[in-house]
PDB file of N, CA and C in Angstrom:
ATOM      1  N   MET A   1      25.403  53.927  68.331  1.00  0.00           N
ATOM      2  CA  MET A   1      24.218  53.029  67.905  1.00  0.00           C
ATOM      3  C   MET A   1      23.019  53.859  67.498  1.00  0.00           C
ATOM      4  N   HIS A   2      22.938  53.955  66.358  1.00  0.00           N
ATOM      5  CA  HIS A   2      21.802  54.930  65.842  1.00  0.00           C
ATOM      6  C   HIS A   2      20.703  54.086  65.891  1.00  0.00           C
ATOM      7  N   GLU A   3      20.625  52.789  66.061  1.00  0.00           N
ATOM      8  CA  GLU A   3      19.473  52.048  65.952  1.00  0.00           C
ATOM      9  C   GLU A   3      18.430  52.214  67.012  1.00  0.00           C
ATOM     10  N   VAL A   4      18.843  52.971  68.296  1.00  0.00           N
ATOM     11  CA  VAL A   4      18.105  53.262  69.204  1.00  0.00           C
ATOM     12  C   VAL A   4      17.234  54.511  68.869  1.00  0.00           C
ATOM     13  N   SER A   5      17.717  55.367  68.150  1.00  0.00           N
ATOM     14  CA  SER A   5      17.009  56.595  67.693  1.00  0.00           C
ATOM     15  C   SER A   5      16.016  56.138  66.598  1.00  0.00           C
ATOM     16  N   LEU A   6      16.460  55.074  65.686  1.00  0.00           N
ATOM     17  CA  LEU A   6      15.625  54.677  64.602  1.00  0.00           C
ATOM     18  C   LEU A   6      14.334  53.904  65.305  1.00  0.00           C
ATOM     19  N   ALA A   7      14.645  53.201  66.363  1.00  0.00           N
ATOM     20  CA  ALA A   7      13.635  52.460  67.042  1.00  0.00           C
ATOM     21  C   ALA A   7      12.582  53.463  67.736  1.00  0.00           C
ATOM     22  N   SER A   8      13.267  54.601  68.254  1.00  0.00           N
ATOM     23  CA  SER A   8      12.203  55.556  68.701  1.00  0.00           C
ATOM     24  C   SER A   8      11.443  56.152  67.751  1.00  0.00           C
ATOM     25  N   GLY A   9      11.901  56.587  66.485  1.00  0.00           N
ATOM     26  CA  GLY A   9      10.964  56.911  65.378  1.00  0.00           C
ATOM     27  C   GLY A   9      10.100  56.004  64.954  1.00  0.00           C
ATOM     28  N   ILE A  10      10.352  54.780  64.887  1.00  0.00           N
ATOM     29  CA  ILE A  10       9.408  53.548  64.608  1.00  0.00           C
ATOM     30  C   ILE A  10       8.195  53.652  65.600  1.00  0.00           C
ATOM     31  N   LEU A  11       8.658  53.610  66.946  1.00  0.00           N
ATOM     32  CA  LEU A  11       7.606  53.683  68.016  1.00  0.00           C
ATOM     33  C   LEU A  11       6.612  54.934  67.890  1.00  0.00           C
ATOM     34  N   LYS A  12       7.246  56.092  67.457  1.00  0.00           N
ATOM     35  CA  LYS A  12       6.362  57.130  67.496  1.00  0.00           C
ATOM     36  C   LYS A  12       5.504  57.146  66.176  1.00  0.00           C
ATOM     37  N   ILE A  13       5.913  56.322  65.209  1.00  0.00           N
ATOM     38  CA  ILE A  13       4.826  56.298  64.074  1.00  0.00           C
ATOM     39  C   ILE A  13       3.704  55.163  64.714  1.00  0.00           C
ATOM     40  N   VAL A  14       4.101  54.208  65.425  1.00  0.00           N
ATOM     41  CA  VAL A  14       3.130  53.087  65.817  1.00  0.00           C
ATOM     42  C   VAL A  14       2.255  53.986  66.763  1.00  0.00           C
ATOM     43  N   GLU A  15       2.738  54.685  67.694  1.00  0.00           N
ATOM     44  CA  GLU A  15       2.035  55.448  68.605  1.00  0.00           C
ATOM     45  C   GLU A  15       1.020  56.506  67.933  1.00  0.00           C
ATOM     46  N   ALA A  16       1.459  57.073  66.948  1.00  0.00           N
ATOM     47  CA  ALA A  16       0.561  57.993  66.226  1.00  0.00           C
ATOM     48  C   ALA A  16      -0.533  57.373  65.555  1.00  0.00           C
ATOM     49  N   ALA A  17      -0.292  56.067  64.897  1.00  0.00           N
ATOM     50  CA  ALA A  17      -1.188  55.260  64.390  1.00  0.00           C
ATOM     51  C   ALA A  17      -2.309  54.707  65.560  1.00  0.00           C
ATOM     52  N   GLU A  18      -1.690  54.571  66.663  1.00  0.00           N
ATOM     53  CA  GLU A  18      -2.577  54.176  67.857  1.00  0.00           C
ATOM     54  C   GLU A  18      -3.605  55.327  68.222  1.00  0.00           C
ATOM     55  N   GLN A  19      -3.022  56.617  68.463  1.00  0.00           N
ATOM     56  CA  GLN A  19      -3.843  57.569  68.607  1.00  0.00           C
ATOM     57  C   GLN A  19      -4.934  58.040  67.614  1.00  0.00           C
ATOM     58  N   ARG A  20      -4.600  57.827  66.269  1.00  0.00           N
ATOM     59  CA  ARG A  20      -5.508  58.095  65.029  1.00  0.00           C
ATOM     60  C   ARG A  20      -6.484  56.968  64.998  1.00  0.00           C
ATOM     61  N   GLU A  21      -6.070  55.699  65.122  1.00  0.00           N
ATOM     62  CA  GLU A  21      -7.089  54.748  64.756  1.00  0.00           C
ATOM     63  C   GLU A  21      -7.643  53.950  66.018  1.00  0.00           C
ATOM     64  N   HIS A  22      -7.109  54.330  67.156  1.00  0.00           N
ATOM     65  CA  HIS A  22      -7.754  53.828  68.493  1.00  0.00           C
ATOM     66  C   HIS A  22      -7.880  52.384  68.612  1.00  0.00           C
ATOM     67  N   PHE A  23      -6.748  51.708  68.346  1.00  0.00           N
ATOM     68  CA  PHE A  23      -6.608  50.304  68.817  1.00  0.00           C
ATOM     69  C   PHE A  23      -5.969  50.112  69.977  1.00  0.00           C
ATOM     70  N   ALA A  24      -6.174  48.560  70.404  1.00  0.00           N
ATOM     71  CA  ALA A  24      -5.660  48.507  71.774  1.00  0.00           C
ATOM     72  C   ALA A  24      -4.249  48.148  71.843  1.00  0.00           C
ATOM     73  N   ARG A  25      -3.817  47.187  70.831  1.00  0.00           N
ATOM     74  CA  ARG A  25      -2.389  46.898  70.809  1.00  0.00           C
ATOM     75  C   ARG A  25      -1.985  46.303  69.461  1.00  0.00           C
ATOM     76  N   VAL A  26      -0.792  46.401  69.185  1.00  0.00           N
ATOM     77  CA  VAL A  26      -0.130  45.768  68.057  1.00  0.00           C
ATOM     78  C   VAL A  26       0.278  44.588  68.305  1.00  0.00           C
ATOM     79  N   THR A  27      -0.268  43.482  67.490  1.00  0.00           N
ATOM     80  CA  THR A  27       0.248  42.072  67.519  1.00  0.00           C
ATOM     81  C   THR A  27       1.388  41.668  66.568  1.00  0.00           C
ATOM     82  N   LEU A  28       1.465  42.280  65.345  1.00  0.00           N
ATOM     83  CA  LEU A  28       2.424  42.103  64.484  1.00  0.00           C
ATOM     84  C   LEU A  28       2.952  43.425  63.849  1.00  0.00           C
ATOM     85  N   LEU A  29       4.143  43.587  63.888  1.00  0.00           N
ATOM     86  CA  LEU A  29       4.933  44.759  63.340  1.00  0.00           C
ATOM     87  C   LEU A  29       5.748  44.284  62.331  1.00  0.00           C
ATOM     88  N   ARG A  30       5.600  44.564  60.994  1.00  0.00           N
ATOM     89  CA  ARG A  30       6.487  44.213  59.884  1.00  0.00           C
ATOM     90  C   ARG A  30       7.352  45.480  59.306  1.00  0.00           C
ATOM     91  N   LEU A  31       8.567  45.253  59.335  1.00  0.00           N
ATOM     92  CA  LEU A  31       9.422  46.363  58.807  1.00  0.00           C
ATOM     93  C   LEU A  31      10.345  45.880  57.745  1.00  0.00           C
ATOM     94  N   GLU A  32      10.907  46.946  56.946  1.00  0.00           N
ATOM     95  CA  GLU A  32      11.785  46.578  55.859  1.00  0.00           C
ATOM     96  C   GLU A  32      12.961  47.423  56.192  1.00  0.00           C
ATOM     97  N   ALA A  33      14.178  46.551  56.413  1.00  0.00           N
ATOM     98  CA  ALA A  33      15.525  47.234  56.480  1.00  0.00           C
ATOM     99  C   ALA A  33      16.371  46.773  55.354  1.00  0.00           C
ATOM    100  N   GLY A  34      16.507  47.340  54.210  1.00  0.00           N
ATOM    101  CA  GLY A  34      17.227  47.185  53.125  1.00  0.00           C
ATOM    102  C   GLY A  34      18.560  46.788  53.634  1.00  0.00           C
ATOM    103  N   THR A  35      19.576  45.879  52.895  1.00  0.00           N
ATOM    104  CA  THR A  35      20.891  45.567  53.239  1.00  0.00           C
ATOM    105  C   THR A  35      21.748  46.808  53.164  1.00  0.00           C
ATOM    106  N   LEU A  36      21.317  47.761  52.222  1.00  0.00           N
ATOM    107  CA  LEU A  36      22.196  48.918  52.084  1.00  0.00           C
ATOM    108  C   LEU A  36      21.881  50.305  53.027  1.00  0.00           C
ATOM    109  N   CYS A  37      20.863  50.031  54.116  1.00  0.00           N
ATOM    110  CA  CYS A  37      20.488  51.156  54.872  1.00  0.00           C
ATOM    111  C   CYS A  37      21.420  51.377  56.021  1.00  0.00           C
ATOM    112  N   GLY A  38      22.220  50.548  56.254  1.00  0.00           N
ATOM    113  CA  GLY A  38      23.183  50.675  57.309  1.00  0.00           C
ATOM    114  C   GLY A  38      22.701  50.573  58.803  1.00  0.00           C
ATOM    115  N   VAL A  39      21.574  49.547  58.716  1.00  0.00           N
ATOM    116  CA  VAL A  39      21.115  49.255  60.108  1.00  0.00           C
ATOM    117  C   VAL A  39      21.374  47.784  60.514  1.00  0.00           C
ATOM    118  N   GLU A  40      21.778  47.749  61.704  1.00  0.00           N
ATOM    119  CA  GLU A  40      22.187  46.343  62.252  1.00  0.00           C
ATOM    120  C   GLU A  40      20.856  45.897  62.882  1.00  0.00           C
ATOM    121  N   VAL A  41      20.254  45.138  62.025  1.00  0.00           N
ATOM    122  CA  VAL A  41      18.933  44.424  62.361  1.00  0.00           C
ATOM    123  C   VAL A  41      18.906  44.019  63.845  1.00  0.00           C
ATOM    124  N   ARG A  42      19.693  43.127  64.267  1.00  0.00           N
ATOM    125  CA  ARG A  42      19.446  42.659  65.623  1.00  0.00           C
ATOM    126  C   ARG A  42      19.433  43.600  66.744  1.00  0.00           C
ATOM    127  N   ALA A  43      20.349  44.825  66.408  1.00  0.00           N
ATOM    128  CA  ALA A  43      20.408  45.943  67.356  1.00  0.00           C
ATOM    129  C   ALA A  43      18.858  46.690  67.393  1.00  0.00           C
ATOM    130  N   LEU A  44      18.465  46.722  66.012  1.00  0.00           N
ATOM    131  CA  LEU A  44      17.214  47.456  65.897  1.00  0.00           C
ATOM    132  C   LEU A  44      16.013  46.733  66.655  1.00  0.00           C
ATOM    133  N   ARG A  45      16.207  45.344  66.447  1.00  0.00           N
ATOM    134  CA  ARG A  45      15.094  44.524  67.232  1.00  0.00           C
ATOM    135  C   ARG A  45      15.094  44.754  68.656  1.00  0.00           C
ATOM    136  N   PHE A  46      16.451  44.624  69.268  1.00  0.00           N
ATOM    137  CA  PHE A  46      16.583  44.807  70.755  1.00  0.00           C
ATOM    138  C   PHE A  46      16.009  46.060  71.176  1.00  0.00           C
ATOM    139  N   ALA A  47      16.483  47.103  70.405  1.00  0.00           N
ATOM    140  CA  ALA A  47      15.930  48.446  70.938  1.00  0.00           C
ATOM    141  C   ALA A  47      14.509  48.642  70.806  1.00  0.00           C
ATOM    142  N   LEU A  48      13.833  48.026  69.892  1.00  0.00           N
ATOM    143  CA  LEU A  48      12.375  48.266  69.769  1.00  0.00           C
ATOM    144  C   LEU A  48      11.774  47.367  71.004  1.00  0.00           C
ATOM    145  N   GLU A  49      12.313  46.099  71.240  1.00  0.00           N
ATOM    146  CA  GLU A  49      11.789  45.494  72.257  1.00  0.00           C
ATOM    147  C   GLU A  49      11.870  45.986  73.672  1.00  0.00           C
ATOM    148  N   VAL A  50      12.987  46.749  73.869  1.00  0.00           N
ATOM    149  CA  VAL A  50      13.295  47.394  75.044  1.00  0.00           C
ATOM    150  C   VAL A  50      12.292  48.559  75.213  1.00  0.00           C
ATOM    151  N   MET A  51      12.262  49.409  74.115  1.00  0.00           N
ATOM    152  CA  MET A  51      11.337  50.636  74.133  1.00  0.00           C
ATOM    153  C   MET A  51       9.853  50.217  74.061  1.00  0.00           C
ATOM    154  N   ALA A  52       9.550  49.087  73.668  1.00  0.00           N
ATOM    155  CA  ALA A  52       8.069  48.799  73.572  1.00  0.00           C
ATOM    156  C   ALA A  52       7.488  48.590  74.901  1.00  0.00           C
ATOM    157  N   GLN A  53       8.212  48.384  75.982  1.00  0.00           N
ATOM    158  CA  GLN A  53       7.574  47.977  77.450  1.00  0.00           C
ATOM    159  C   GLN A  53       6.453  49.222  77.731  1.00  0.00           C
ATOM    160  N   ASP A  54       5.395  48.720  78.154  1.00  0.00           N
ATOM    161  CA  ASP A  54       4.412  49.709  78.605  1.00  0.00           C
ATOM    162  C   ASP A  54       3.854  50.588  77.379  1.00  0.00           C
ATOM    163  N   THR A  55       4.021  50.183  76.229  1.00  0.00           N
ATOM    164  CA  THR A  55       3.329  50.776  74.950  1.00  0.00           C
ATOM    165  C   THR A  55       2.441  49.782  74.373  1.00  0.00           C
ATOM    166  N   CYS A  56       1.735  50.326  73.297  1.00  0.00           N
ATOM    167  CA  CYS A  56       0.877  49.321  72.510  1.00  0.00           C
ATOM    168  C   CYS A  56       1.775  48.214  71.755  1.00  0.00           C
ATOM    169  N   LEU A  57       2.897  48.483  71.676  1.00  0.00           N
ATOM    170  CA  LEU A  57       3.747  47.439  71.043  1.00  0.00           C
ATOM    171  C   LEU A  57       4.368  46.481  71.922  1.00  0.00           C
ATOM    172  N   GLN A  58       4.093  46.542  73.113  1.00  0.00           N
ATOM    173  CA  GLN A  58       4.692  45.371  73.999  1.00  0.00           C
ATOM    174  C   GLN A  58       3.966  44.105  73.549  1.00  0.00           C
ATOM    175  N   HIS A  59       4.948  43.055  73.461  1.00  0.00           N
ATOM    176  CA  HIS A  59       4.640  41.717  73.303  1.00  0.00           C
ATOM    177  C   HIS A  59       4.233  41.456  71.844  1.00  0.00           C
ATOM    178  N   ALA A  60       4.471  42.600  70.894  1.00  0.00           N
ATOM    179  CA  ALA A  60       4.183  42.381  69.525  1.00  0.00           C
ATOM    180  C   ALA A  60       5.249  41.567  68.940  1.00  0.00           C
ATOM    181  N   CYS A  61       4.825  40.765  67.873  1.00  0.00           N
ATOM    182  CA  CYS A  61       6.015  40.090  67.105  1.00  0.00           C
ATOM    183  C   CYS A  61       6.471  41.020  66.053  1.00  0.00           C
ATOM    184  N   ILE A  62       7.751  41.371  66.032  1.00  0.00           N
ATOM    185  CA  ILE A  62       8.487  42.111  65.192  1.00  0.00           C
ATOM    186  C   ILE A  62       9.003  41.204  64.045  1.00  0.00           C
ATOM    187  N   GLU A  63       8.676  41.484  62.893  1.00  0.00           N
ATOM    188  CA  GLU A  63       9.258  41.100  61.586  1.00  0.00           C
ATOM    189  C   GLU A  63      10.108  41.979  60.874  1.00  0.00           C
ATOM    190  N   ILE A  64      11.249  41.625  60.542  1.00  0.00           N
ATOM    191  CA  ILE A  64      12.130  42.543  59.880  1.00  0.00           C
ATOM    192  C   ILE A  64      12.759  41.968  58.734  1.00  0.00           C
ATOM    193  N   GLU A  65      12.207  42.448  57.583  1.00  0.00           N
ATOM    194  CA  GLU A  65      12.653  41.932  56.087  1.00  0.00           C
ATOM    195  C   GLU A  65      13.810  42.663  55.733  1.00  0.00           C
ATOM    196  N   THR A  66      14.797  41.855  55.138  1.00  0.00           N
ATOM    197  CA  THR A  66      15.942  42.644  54.726  1.00  0.00           C
ATOM    198  C   THR A  66      16.382  42.528  53.317  1.00  0.00           C
ATOM    199  N   PRO A  67      15.701  43.067  52.320  1.00  0.00           N
ATOM    200  CA  PRO A  67      15.803  42.577  50.909  1.00  0.00           C
ATOM    201  C   PRO A  67      17.226  43.192  50.441  1.00  0.00           C
ATOM    202  N   ALA A  68      17.705  42.516  49.606  1.00  0.00           N
ATOM    203  CA  ALA A  68      19.206  42.949  48.896  1.00  0.00           C
ATOM    204  C   ALA A  68      18.957  44.307  48.081  1.00  0.00           C
ATOM    205  N   GLY A  69      19.988  44.888  47.897  1.00  0.00           N
ATOM    206  CA  GLY A  69      19.825  46.169  47.269  1.00  0.00           C
ATOM    207  C   GLY A  69      20.105  45.891  45.713  1.00  0.00           C
ATOM    208  N   GLN A  70      19.812  46.943  44.992  1.00  0.00           N
ATOM    209  CA  GLN A  70      20.058  46.948  43.533  1.00  0.00           C
ATOM    210  C   GLN A  70      20.613  48.010  43.229  1.00  0.00           C
ATOM    211  N   ALA A  71      21.584  47.889  42.179  1.00  0.00           N
ATOM    212  CA  ALA A  71      22.442  48.996  41.720  1.00  0.00           C
ATOM    213  C   ALA A  71      22.471  49.205  40.299  1.00  0.00           C
ATOM    214  N   TRP A  72      22.664  50.181  39.670  1.00  0.00           N
ATOM    215  CA  TRP A  72      22.902  50.340  38.161  1.00  0.00           C
ATOM    216  C   TRP A  72      24.355  50.390  38.012  1.00  0.00           C
ATOM    217  N   CYS A  73      24.728  49.498  37.012  1.00  0.00           N
ATOM    218  CA  CYS A  73      26.328  49.594  36.771  1.00  0.00           C
ATOM    219  C   CYS A  73      26.478  50.874  35.626  1.00  0.00           C
ATOM    220  N   LEU A  74      27.402  51.702  36.036  1.00  0.00           N
ATOM    221  CA  LEU A  74      27.474  52.832  34.958  1.00  0.00           C
ATOM    222  C   LEU A  74      28.469  52.274  33.769  1.00  0.00           C
ATOM    223  N   GLN A  75      29.117  51.103  33.889  1.00  0.00           N
ATOM    224  CA  GLN A  75      29.996  50.677  32.978  1.00  0.00           C
ATOM    225  C   GLN A  75      29.162  49.760  31.983  1.00  0.00           C
ATOM    226  N   CYS A  76      28.634  48.733  32.352  1.00  0.00           N
ATOM    227  CA  CYS A  76      27.959  47.671  31.619  1.00  0.00           C
ATOM    228  C   CYS A  76      26.375  47.958  31.405  1.00  0.00           C
ATOM    229  N   LYS A  77      26.070  49.155  31.920  1.00  0.00           N
ATOM    230  CA  LYS A  77      24.526  49.699  31.847  1.00  0.00           C
ATOM    231  C   LYS A  77      23.433  48.527  32.235  1.00  0.00           C
ATOM    232  N   THR A  78      23.733  47.829  33.304  1.00  0.00           N
ATOM    233  CA  THR A  78      22.779  46.846  33.642  1.00  0.00           C
ATOM    234  C   THR A  78      22.411  47.019  35.187  1.00  0.00           C
ATOM    235  N   THR A  79      21.299  46.461  35.740  1.00  0.00           N
ATOM    236  CA  THR A  79      21.040  46.431  37.128  1.00  0.00           C
ATOM    237  C   THR A  79      21.526  45.050  37.786  1.00  0.00           C
ATOM    238  N   VAL A  80      21.977  45.308  38.784  1.00  0.00           N
ATOM    239  CA  VAL A  80      22.806  44.371  39.473  1.00  0.00           C
ATOM    240  C   VAL A  80      22.362  44.309  41.020  1.00  0.00           C
ATOM    241  N   THR A  81      22.632  43.104  41.718  1.00  0.00           N
ATOM    242  CA  THR A  81      22.320  42.848  43.082  1.00  0.00           C
ATOM    243  C   THR A  81      23.460  43.351  43.774  1.00  0.00           C
ATOM    244  N   MET A  82      23.095  44.308  44.846  1.00  0.00           N
ATOM    245  CA  MET A  82      24.239  44.676  45.528  1.00  0.00           C
ATOM    246  C   MET A  82      23.914  44.466  46.949  1.00  0.00           C
ATOM    247  N   LEU A  83      24.878  43.584  47.725  1.00  0.00           N
ATOM    248  CA  LEU A  83      24.683  43.229  49.061  1.00  0.00           C
ATOM    249  C   LEU A  83      25.281  44.109  50.038  1.00  0.00           C
ATOM    250  N   ALA A  84      26.286  44.969  49.718  1.00  0.00           N
ATOM    251  CA  ALA A  84      26.891  45.855  50.473  1.00  0.00           C
ATOM    252  C   ALA A  84      27.632  47.153  49.660  1.00  0.00           C
ATOM    253  N   HIS A  85      27.739  48.305  50.280  1.00  0.00           N
ATOM    254  CA  HIS A  85      28.516  49.406  49.392  1.00  0.00           C
ATOM    255  C   HIS A  85      29.878  48.899  49.324  1.00  0.00           C
ATOM    256  N   GLY A  86      30.304  49.215  48.201  1.00  0.00           N
ATOM    257  CA  GLY A  86      31.660  48.948  47.804  1.00  0.00           C
ATOM    258  C   GLY A  86      31.753  47.561  47.164  1.00  0.00           C
ATOM    259  N   ASP A  87      30.627  47.023  46.947  1.00  0.00           N
ATOM    260  CA  ASP A  87      30.540  45.630  45.875  1.00  0.00           C
ATOM    261  C   ASP A  87      30.818  46.039  44.458  1.00  0.00           C
ATOM    262  N   ALA A  88      31.386  45.139  43.779  1.00  0.00           N
ATOM    263  CA  ALA A  88      31.664  45.280  42.388  1.00  0.00           C
ATOM    264  C   ALA A  88      30.527  44.759  41.492  1.00  0.00           C
ATOM    265  N   CYS A  89      30.433  45.122  40.338  1.00  0.00           N
ATOM    266  CA  CYS A  89      29.300  44.597  39.391  1.00  0.00           C
ATOM    267  C   CYS A  89      29.578  43.184  39.132  1.00  0.00           C
ATOM    268  N   GLU A  90      28.646  42.352  39.342  1.00  0.00           N
ATOM    269  CA  GLU A  90      28.587  40.989  39.417  1.00  0.00           C
ATOM    270  C   GLU A  90      28.800  40.569  37.745  1.00  0.00           C
ATOM    271  N   HIS A  91      28.640  41.556  36.684  1.00  0.00           N
ATOM    272  CA  HIS A  91      28.781  41.155  35.486  1.00  0.00           C
ATOM    273  C   HIS A  91      30.157  41.610  34.810  1.00  0.00           C
ATOM    274  N   CYS A  92      30.656  42.752  35.186  1.00  0.00           N
ATOM    275  CA  CYS A  92      31.811  43.328  34.415  1.00  0.00           C
ATOM    276  C   CYS A  92      32.880  43.489  35.590  1.00  0.00           C
ATOM    277  N   GLY A  93      32.722  43.318  36.818  1.00  0.00           N
ATOM    278  CA  GLY A  93      33.655  43.639  37.832  1.00  0.00           C
ATOM    279  C   GLY A  93      33.903  45.280  38.109  1.00  0.00           C
ATOM    280  N   ASN A  94      33.154  45.987  37.393  1.00  0.00           N
ATOM    281  CA  ASN A  94      33.544  47.495  37.723  1.00  0.00           C
ATOM    282  C   ASN A  94      32.891  47.774  39.109  1.00  0.00           C
ATOM    283  N   TYR A  95      33.562  48.972  39.803  1.00  0.00           N
ATOM    284  CA  TYR A  95      32.999  49.560  41.141  1.00  0.00           C
ATOM    285  C   TYR A  95      32.046  50.857  40.908  1.00  0.00           C
ATOM    286  N   GLN A  96      31.835  50.988  39.805  1.00  0.00           N
ATOM    287  CA  GLN A  96      30.973  52.266  39.568  1.00  0.00           C
ATOM    288  C   GLN A  96      29.535  51.883  39.649  1.00  0.00           C
ATOM    289  N   LEU A  97      28.994  51.753  40.745  1.00  0.00           N
ATOM    290  CA  LEU A  97      27.614  51.181  40.957  1.00  0.00           C
ATOM    291  C   LEU A  97      26.898  52.338  41.620  1.00  0.00           C
ATOM    292  N   LYS A  98      25.632  52.659  41.018  1.00  0.00           N
ATOM    293  CA  LYS A  98      24.605  53.543  41.635  1.00  0.00           C
ATOM    294  C   LYS A  98      23.594  52.778  42.321  1.00  0.00           C
ATOM    295  N   ALA A  99      23.449  52.819  43.765  1.00  0.00           N
ATOM    296  CA  ALA A  99      22.439  52.210  44.340  1.00  0.00           C
ATOM    297  C   ALA A  99      20.906  52.665  43.967  1.00  0.00           C
ATOM    298  N   THR A 100      20.138  51.897  43.508  1.00  0.00           N
ATOM    299  CA  THR A 100      18.756  52.359  43.197  1.00  0.00           C
ATOM    300  C   THR A 100      17.729  51.743  44.255  1.00  0.00           C
ATOM    301  N   SER A 101      18.099  50.702  45.141  1.00  0.00           N
ATOM    302  CA  SER A 101      17.119  50.329  46.207  1.00  0.00           C
ATOM    303  C   SER A 101      17.907  49.595  47.106  1.00  0.00           C
ATOM    304  N   GLY A 102      17.449  49.243  48.320  1.00  0.00           N
ATOM    305  CA  GLY A 102      17.913  48.596  49.239  1.00  0.00           C
ATOM    306  C   GLY A 102      18.459  49.429  50.477  1.00  0.00           C
ATOM    307  N   SER A 103      18.321  50.913  50.402  1.00  0.00           N
ATOM    308  CA  SER A 103      18.594  51.528  51.484  1.00  0.00           C
ATOM    309  C   SER A 103      17.369  52.139  52.303  1.00  0.00           C
ATOM    310  N   GLU A 104      16.352  51.338  52.098  1.00  0.00           N
ATOM    311  CA  GLU A 104      14.895  51.782  52.611  1.00  0.00           C
ATOM    312  C   GLU A 104      14.939  51.195  54.085  1.00  0.00           C
ATOM    313  N   LEU A 105      14.452  52.096  54.967  1.00  0.00           N
ATOM    314  CA  LEU A 105      13.911  51.482  56.196  1.00  0.00           C
ATOM    315  C   LEU A 105      12.557  52.084  56.516  1.00  0.00           C
ATOM    316  N   ARG A 106      11.524  51.090  56.568  1.00  0.00           N
ATOM    317  CA  ARG A 106      10.195  51.576  56.561  1.00  0.00           C
ATOM    318  C   ARG A 106       9.316  50.482  57.232  1.00  0.00           C
ATOM    319  N   VAL A 107       8.282  51.098  57.865  1.00  0.00           N
ATOM    320  CA  VAL A 107       7.130  50.358  58.495  1.00  0.00           C
ATOM    321  C   VAL A 107       6.325  49.668  57.157  1.00  0.00           C
ATOM    322  N   LEU A 108       6.222  48.422  57.076  1.00  0.00           N
ATOM    323  CA  LEU A 108       5.445  47.789  55.989  1.00  0.00           C
ATOM    324  C   LEU A 108       4.016  47.887  56.457  1.00  0.00           C
ATOM    325  N   ASP A 109       3.662  47.223  57.601  1.00  0.00           N
ATOM    326  CA  ASP A 109       2.254  47.222  58.104  1.00  0.00           C
ATOM    327  C   ASP A 109       2.379  46.521  59.392  1.00  0.00           C
ATOM    328  N   MET A 110       1.161  46.768  59.954  1.00  0.00           N
ATOM    329  CA  MET A 110       1.098  46.143  61.403  1.00  0.00           C
ATOM    330  C   MET A 110      -0.557  45.465  61.572  1.00  0.00           C
ATOM    331  N   MET A 111      -0.590  44.516  62.326  1.00  0.00           N
ATOM    332  CA  MET A 111      -1.590  43.921  62.653  1.00  0.00           C
ATOM    333  C   MET A 111      -1.964  44.536  64.131  1.00  0.00           C
ATOM    334  N   VAL A 112      -3.157  44.755  64.452  1.00  0.00           N
ATOM    335  CA  VAL A 112      -3.710  45.271  65.589  1.00  0.00           C
ATOM    336  C   VAL A 112      -4.849  44.679  66.292  1.00  0.00           C
ATOM    337  N   GLU A 113      -4.989  44.803  67.416  1.00  0.00           N
ATOM    338  CA  GLU A 113      -6.244  44.439  68.235  1.00  0.00           C
ATOM    339  C   GLU A 113      -7.059  45.521  68.598  1.00  0.00           C
ATOM    340  N   ASP A 114      -8.509  45.454  68.430  1.00  0.00           N
ATOM    341  CA  ASP A 114      -9.245  46.589  68.852  1.00  0.00           C
ATOM    342  C   ASP A 114      -9.462  46.620  70.301  1.00  0.00           C
ATOM    343  N   ASN A 115     -10.022  47.828  70.649  1.00  0.00           N
ATOM    344  CA  ASN A 115     -10.126  47.915  72.264  1.00  0.00           C
ATOM    345  C   ASN A 115     -11.586  46.936  72.440  1.00  0.00           C
TER     346      ASN A 115
END
């Protein structure tokens, strides 16, 4: 379950921002986990909620957006939606797709309360 290590990394990003910006707590944390990034969103949310205890992230609302991936079809030379690795091109049925987006996992933004 690599979501635990990912949650740990996200918590480190939040805590580094807390040290740098001197805020009291996070009220909203918005993340993006593309459908191709290989993250189980429910497991990531659970890991974050457990690890957030006694940190500035405790009681924060955690929103995780899951945008669909995009890929370039090498056969028909078009950009297509890709929901999972191994999908076929929705236009020509070819499986030679090169993912161009949707594999990102990132902190989008957070709302905080001042001290």
